[in-house]
Amino acid sequence: MGTDEILETIDPDRPVLIAGPTASGKSGLALAIAERQGGIVINADALQVFDAWPILTAQPDAADRARAPHALYGHVPYDAPYSAGDWLRDLRPLLGGADRPIIVGGTGLYFVALTQGLAEIPPTPPAIRAEGDALPLTELVAALDPRSRAALDLNNRARVQRAWEVARNTGRPITDWQDETPPPALPLTQATALCLEAPPDWLTPRIEARFDAMLDHGAIDEARAMRPRWDPTHLSSRAIGAAELIAHIDGELTRDEVRDRAVIASRQYAKRQRTFFRARSAGWRMITAATL
């Protein structure tokens, strides 16, 4: 089913959610919907929120922004912390605005927070995060209460450490906080939810071509400009290829080495995204990305 056929099935009065792996064509579909039916394209990508690495994170360029309104791209300082809760707070005023929201991105946690609700957990102080960073995974797991251990993938360090940090900071297990989750800002039943399916053999050439285009159109200059401010601990520094480009600026990696490592990292990220969205596909309409 092509883009035109998909558009014919979308209610122009309902919000639209578009999820899927990196480089699968999500932004293009969102822009097509906004142009044909009206609406504001709203970012749901955890790295595109930062005012750093606009080329490397594939933020909409000036030409795209001229075709339709966009929001929540590049609005957060590069060195600021930012969470799903922050994104949800920034998003809420846009849900009741004059423009129909078309929310697009690859950060699954943002869509979960939006459609299922998000517990209002106090932010973790940097000192506690640093303490958690220094502990091995086995110690983090051992410190959790039985209910939290049962609810988590204990091989997922990020999730385990998050649960550990919450308990350490608040004195309450993360599951207790989750039990108090407020109603969702936008239940899935009130939106048109589309998820792009992109198998590896189709997606990999797109990932390669997109990173080549980034290199050809300013990613290295972007890294050179960021070098004086570079700090690998910043959330914005997690942009795929950022550390490699900084290493290239420092003479530690060739351009080809940067390209190879970034492509591999993008493929691995796309695999994690596919796994995440498949596990939560109930209520989402699956779209074959190759047909767009």
Protein backbone atom coordinates (compact mmCIF):
# COMPACT_ATOMS: atom_id res chain seq x y z
CA MET A 1 0.00 0.00 0.00
CA GLY A 2 1.51 3.29 -1.14
CA THR A 3 1.45 6.66 0.57
CA ASP A 4 -1.60 7.88 -1.37
CA GLU A 5 -3.59 4.79 -0.42
CA ILE A 6 -2.57 5.12 3.21
CA LEU A 7 -3.63 8.75 3.28
CA GLU A 8 -7.08 7.81 2.03
CA THR A 9 -7.56 5.62 5.12
CA ILE A 10 -6.45 8.21 7.69
CA ASP A 11 -9.07 10.27 9.50
CA PRO A 12 -7.96 13.92 9.13
CA ASP A 13 -9.57 14.83 12.44
CA ARG A 14 -7.61 12.36 14.59
CA PRO A 15 -4.04 12.70 15.90
CA VAL A 16 -1.52 10.50 14.12
CA LEU A 17 1.34 8.53 15.67
CA ILE A 18 4.13 7.21 13.43
CA ALA A 19 6.75 4.90 14.90
CA GLY A 20 9.37 2.58 13.45
CA PRO A 21 13.11 1.99 13.09
CA THR A 22 15.65 4.57 12.03
CA ALA A 23 15.83 5.45 8.30
CA SER A 24 12.52 3.71 7.56
CA GLY A 25 10.76 6.76 6.12
CA LYS A 26 8.76 7.92 9.14
CA SER A 27 9.45 11.62 8.67
CA GLY A 28 8.56 11.51 4.98
CA LEU A 29 5.20 9.92 5.76
CA ALA A 30 4.51 12.45 8.52
CA LEU A 31 5.29 15.33 6.17
CA ALA A 32 3.05 13.88 3.45
CA ILE A 33 0.16 13.64 5.91
CA ALA A 34 0.71 17.19 7.15
CA GLU A 35 0.80 18.57 3.62
CA ARG A 36 -2.28 16.71 2.39
CA GLN A 37 -4.47 16.81 5.48
CA GLY A 38 -3.00 19.55 7.65
CA GLY A 39 -1.34 19.23 11.02
CA ILE A 40 1.88 19.89 12.90
CA VAL A 41 4.75 17.39 12.76
CA ILE A 42 5.94 16.76 16.33
CA ASN A 43 9.18 15.04 17.19
CA ALA A 44 9.23 11.83 19.23
CA ASP A 45 12.95 11.10 18.94
CA ALA A 46 15.05 11.45 22.08
CA LEU A 47 18.11 12.83 20.26
CA GLN A 48 16.39 15.16 17.82
CA VAL A 49 15.20 17.28 20.75
CA PHE A 50 18.71 18.70 21.25
CA ASP A 51 20.15 21.77 19.56
CA ALA A 52 23.28 19.77 18.73
CA TRP A 53 23.98 17.43 15.81
CA PRO A 54 21.02 18.44 13.59
CA ILE A 55 22.61 16.76 10.57
CA LEU A 56 23.73 13.63 12.40
CA THR A 57 20.33 13.13 14.04
CA ALA A 58 18.48 13.80 10.76
CA GLN A 59 16.44 16.72 12.05
CA PRO A 60 14.13 18.30 9.45
CA ASP A 61 15.95 20.87 7.37
CA ALA A 62 14.69 24.31 6.39
CA ALA A 63 13.00 22.98 3.25
CA ASP A 64 10.99 20.41 5.23
CA ARG A 65 10.03 22.96 7.87
CA ALA A 66 8.76 25.26 5.14
CA ARG A 67 6.38 22.58 3.92
CA ALA A 68 4.58 22.09 7.26
CA PRO A 69 4.79 23.28 10.89
CA HIS A 70 7.23 21.34 13.08
CA ALA A 71 7.70 21.23 16.86
CA LEU A 72 10.03 19.83 19.53
CA TYR A 73 13.06 19.64 17.24
CA GLY A 74 16.29 21.15 18.54
CA HIS A 75 14.59 22.98 21.39
CA VAL A 76 16.74 21.60 24.25
CA PRO A 77 20.31 22.82 24.99
CA TYR A 78 22.96 20.27 24.00
CA ASP A 79 24.23 19.90 27.58
CA ALA A 80 20.85 19.61 29.32
CA PRO A 81 19.31 16.49 30.81
CA TYR A 82 16.05 15.43 29.20
CA SER A 83 13.65 12.59 29.92
CA ALA A 84 10.44 11.06 28.65
CA GLY A 85 8.67 13.04 31.36
CA ASP A 86 10.21 16.28 30.07
CA TRP A 87 9.10 15.42 26.55
CA LEU A 88 5.57 14.64 27.69
CA ARG A 89 5.35 17.98 29.52
CA ASP A 90 6.58 19.81 26.40
CA LEU A 91 4.10 17.89 24.25
CA ARG A 92 0.93 18.39 26.28
CA PRO A 93 0.23 22.00 25.18
CA LEU A 94 0.50 20.90 21.54
CA LEU A 95 -2.13 18.19 21.97
CA GLY A 96 -4.79 20.80 22.56
CA GLY A 97 -3.58 23.28 19.96
CA ALA A 98 -5.25 24.38 16.75
CA ASP A 99 -3.16 22.03 14.59
CA ARG A 100 -3.79 18.29 14.51
CA PRO A 101 -0.69 16.59 16.00
CA ILE A 102 1.30 14.18 13.84
CA ILE A 103 3.78 12.68 16.28
CA VAL A 104 6.70 10.87 14.67
CA GLY A 105 9.88 9.25 15.93
CA GLY A 106 11.72 6.14 16.91
CA THR A 107 11.87 6.46 20.70
CA GLY A 108 9.47 3.80 21.88
CA LEU A 109 9.45 4.99 25.48
CA TYR A 110 8.01 8.34 24.37
CA PHE A 111 5.06 6.61 22.71
CA VAL A 112 4.53 4.38 25.75
CA ALA A 113 4.52 7.44 28.01
CA LEU A 114 2.08 9.23 25.71
CA THR A 115 -0.42 6.40 25.20
CA GLN A 116 -0.13 4.50 28.50
CA GLY A 117 0.78 7.21 30.98
CA LEU A 118 4.02 7.92 32.81
CA ALA A 119 4.71 7.73 36.51
CA GLU A 120 5.80 11.06 37.98
CA ILE A 121 9.09 9.85 39.46
CA PRO A 122 11.45 12.47 40.94
CA PRO A 123 14.57 13.04 38.81
CA THR A 124 17.73 11.19 39.79
CA PRO A 125 20.49 13.41 41.23
CA PRO A 126 23.79 13.22 39.30
CA ALA A 127 25.62 11.81 42.33
CA ILE A 128 23.30 8.81 42.54
CA ARG A 129 23.52 8.25 38.78
CA ALA A 130 27.31 8.28 39.04
CA GLU A 131 27.12 5.80 41.90
CA GLY A 132 24.98 3.50 39.77
CA ASP A 133 27.28 3.87 36.79
CA ALA A 134 30.14 2.55 38.90
CA LEU A 135 28.35 -0.62 40.04
CA PRO A 136 28.40 -3.89 38.08
CA LEU A 137 25.07 -5.17 36.77
CA THR A 138 25.02 -8.06 39.24
CA GLU A 139 25.12 -5.67 42.21
CA LEU A 140 22.40 -3.49 40.76
CA VAL A 141 20.16 -6.55 40.28
CA ALA A 142 20.89 -7.87 43.78
CA ALA A 143 19.85 -4.53 45.32
CA LEU A 144 16.38 -4.58 43.72
CA ASP A 145 13.25 -5.75 45.49
CA PRO A 146 11.76 -9.07 44.28
CA ARG A 147 8.82 -7.46 42.49
CA SER A 148 11.06 -5.12 40.48
CA ARG A 149 13.37 -7.99 39.58
CA ALA A 150 10.41 -10.02 38.33
CA ALA A 151 9.18 -7.14 36.16
CA LEU A 152 12.49 -6.35 34.45
CA ASP A 153 14.72 -7.82 31.77
CA LEU A 154 17.66 -8.32 34.10
CA ASN A 155 20.12 -8.28 31.18
CA ASN A 156 19.05 -4.76 30.22
CA ARG A 157 21.46 -2.63 32.22
CA ALA A 158 19.71 0.67 31.45
CA ARG A 159 16.38 -0.59 32.79
CA VAL A 160 17.95 -2.27 35.81
CA GLN A 161 20.00 0.79 36.68
CA ARG A 162 16.95 3.01 36.31
CA ALA A 163 15.07 0.86 38.82
CA TRP A 164 18.06 0.90 41.16
CA GLU A 165 18.36 4.70 40.91
CA VAL A 166 14.68 5.22 41.67
CA ALA A 167 14.84 3.03 44.77
CA ARG A 168 18.09 4.60 45.91
CA ASN A 169 16.80 8.15 45.40
CA THR A 170 13.22 7.84 46.67
CA GLY A 171 13.31 4.91 49.07
CA ARG A 172 10.47 3.27 47.10
CA PRO A 173 10.63 0.56 44.43
CA ILE A 174 10.01 1.66 40.86
CA THR A 175 7.00 -0.67 40.70
CA ASP A 176 5.31 1.32 43.47
CA TRP A 177 5.70 4.49 41.43
CA GLN A 178 4.42 2.73 38.32
CA ASP A 179 1.31 1.65 40.20
CA GLU A 180 0.47 5.35 40.57
CA THR A 181 0.77 6.12 36.85
CA PRO A 182 -1.77 8.80 35.83
CA PRO A 183 -4.10 8.37 32.82
CA PRO A 184 -2.40 8.74 29.42
CA ALA A 185 -2.32 12.12 27.69
CA LEU A 186 -3.41 10.47 24.43
CA PRO A 187 -4.84 6.94 24.66
CA LEU A 188 -4.04 4.78 21.67
CA THR A 189 -7.75 4.38 20.94
CA GLN A 190 -8.02 8.12 20.25
CA ALA A 191 -5.29 8.24 17.59
CA THR A 192 -4.35 6.72 14.26
CA ALA A 193 -1.26 4.73 15.22
CA LEU A 194 1.04 3.62 12.38
CA CYS A 195 4.21 1.56 12.79
CA LEU A 196 6.57 1.06 9.85
CA GLU A 197 7.95 -2.41 9.28
CA ALA A 198 11.43 -2.38 7.74
CA PRO A 199 13.29 -5.71 7.36
CA PRO A 200 17.10 -5.56 7.59
CA ASP A 201 17.77 -6.42 3.93
CA TRP A 202 15.67 -3.44 2.85
CA LEU A 203 16.72 -1.06 5.61
CA THR A 204 20.50 -1.56 5.62
CA PRO A 205 21.12 0.09 2.21
CA ARG A 206 18.99 3.03 3.34
CA ILE A 207 21.02 3.36 6.53
CA GLU A 208 24.24 3.31 4.52
CA ALA A 209 22.99 5.84 1.99
CA ARG A 210 21.71 8.18 4.69
CA PHE A 211 24.97 8.22 6.60
CA ASP A 212 26.92 8.76 3.39
CA ALA A 213 24.67 11.75 2.69
CA MET A 214 25.29 13.08 6.21
CA LEU A 215 29.04 12.89 5.64
CA ASP A 216 28.71 14.60 2.26
CA HIS A 217 26.47 17.37 3.57
CA GLY A 218 28.21 18.68 6.66
CA ALA A 219 28.40 16.08 9.44
CA ILE A 220 32.16 16.44 9.70
CA ASP A 221 31.92 20.23 9.90
CA GLU A 222 29.19 19.76 12.50
CA ALA A 223 31.56 17.63 14.57
CA ARG A 224 34.35 20.18 14.18
CA ALA A 225 32.05 22.90 15.52
CA MET A 226 31.00 20.68 18.44
CA ARG A 227 34.54 19.62 19.38
CA PRO A 228 35.22 22.48 21.85
CA ARG A 229 31.98 21.62 23.68
CA TRP A 230 32.26 17.85 23.40
CA ASP A 231 31.45 15.88 26.55
CA PRO A 232 30.63 12.17 26.13
CA THR A 233 28.48 12.22 29.27
CA HIS A 234 25.90 14.54 27.71
CA LEU A 235 22.74 12.82 26.48
CA SER A 236 23.09 14.60 23.14
CA SER A 237 26.48 12.90 22.70
CA ARG A 238 24.69 9.56 22.26
CA ALA A 239 23.83 10.47 18.68
CA ILE A 240 24.98 7.57 16.53
CA GLY A 241 28.29 8.50 14.94
CA ALA A 242 29.00 11.47 17.23
CA ALA A 243 31.84 9.88 19.19
CA GLU A 244 33.33 8.47 16.00
CA LEU A 245 33.22 11.84 14.25
CA ILE A 246 34.92 13.49 17.21
CA ALA A 247 37.59 10.79 17.02
CA HIS A 248 37.98 11.59 13.32
CA ILE A 249 38.43 15.29 14.10
CA ASP A 250 41.11 14.25 16.62
CA GLY A 251 42.90 12.17 13.98
CA GLU A 252 42.05 8.84 15.61
CA LEU A 253 39.70 7.41 12.96
CA THR A 254 39.54 7.68 9.19
CA ARG A 255 36.37 8.77 7.44
CA ASP A 256 35.78 5.20 6.26
CA GLU A 257 36.17 3.88 9.80
CA VAL A 258 33.65 6.43 11.05
CA ARG A 259 31.23 5.38 8.34
CA ASP A 260 31.60 1.65 9.02
CA ARG A 261 31.14 2.00 12.78
CA ALA A 262 28.16 4.32 12.48
CA VAL A 263 26.41 2.02 10.00
CA ILE A 264 26.91 -0.97 12.28
CA ALA A 265 25.62 0.98 15.29
CA SER A 266 22.58 2.15 13.28
CA ARG A 267 21.78 -1.40 12.22
CA GLN A 268 22.01 -2.57 15.83
CA TYR A 269 19.77 0.28 16.95
CA ALA A 270 17.22 -0.52 14.25
CA LYS A 271 17.14 -4.13 15.45
CA ARG A 272 16.39 -3.00 19.01
CA GLN A 273 13.66 -0.69 17.71
CA ARG A 274 12.04 -3.49 15.69
CA THR A 275 12.05 -5.73 18.75
CA PHE A 276 10.53 -3.00 20.93
CA PHE A 277 7.72 -2.10 18.55
CA ARG A 278 6.85 -5.70 17.68
CA ALA A 279 6.38 -6.46 21.37
CA ARG A 280 3.96 -3.54 21.64
CA SER A 281 2.18 -3.77 18.29
CA ALA A 282 -1.34 -4.25 19.70
CA GLY A 283 -3.42 -1.26 18.63
CA TRP A 284 -0.90 -0.15 16.01
CA ARG A 285 -1.43 -0.52 12.27
CA MET A 286 1.64 -2.09 10.69
CA ILE A 287 2.77 -0.48 7.42
CA THR A 288 5.32 -2.00 5.03
CA ALA A 289 7.91 0.78 4.73
CA ALA A 290 9.13 -0.42 1.34
CA THR A 291 5.76 0.43 -0.24
CA LEU A 292 5.85 4.12 0.71
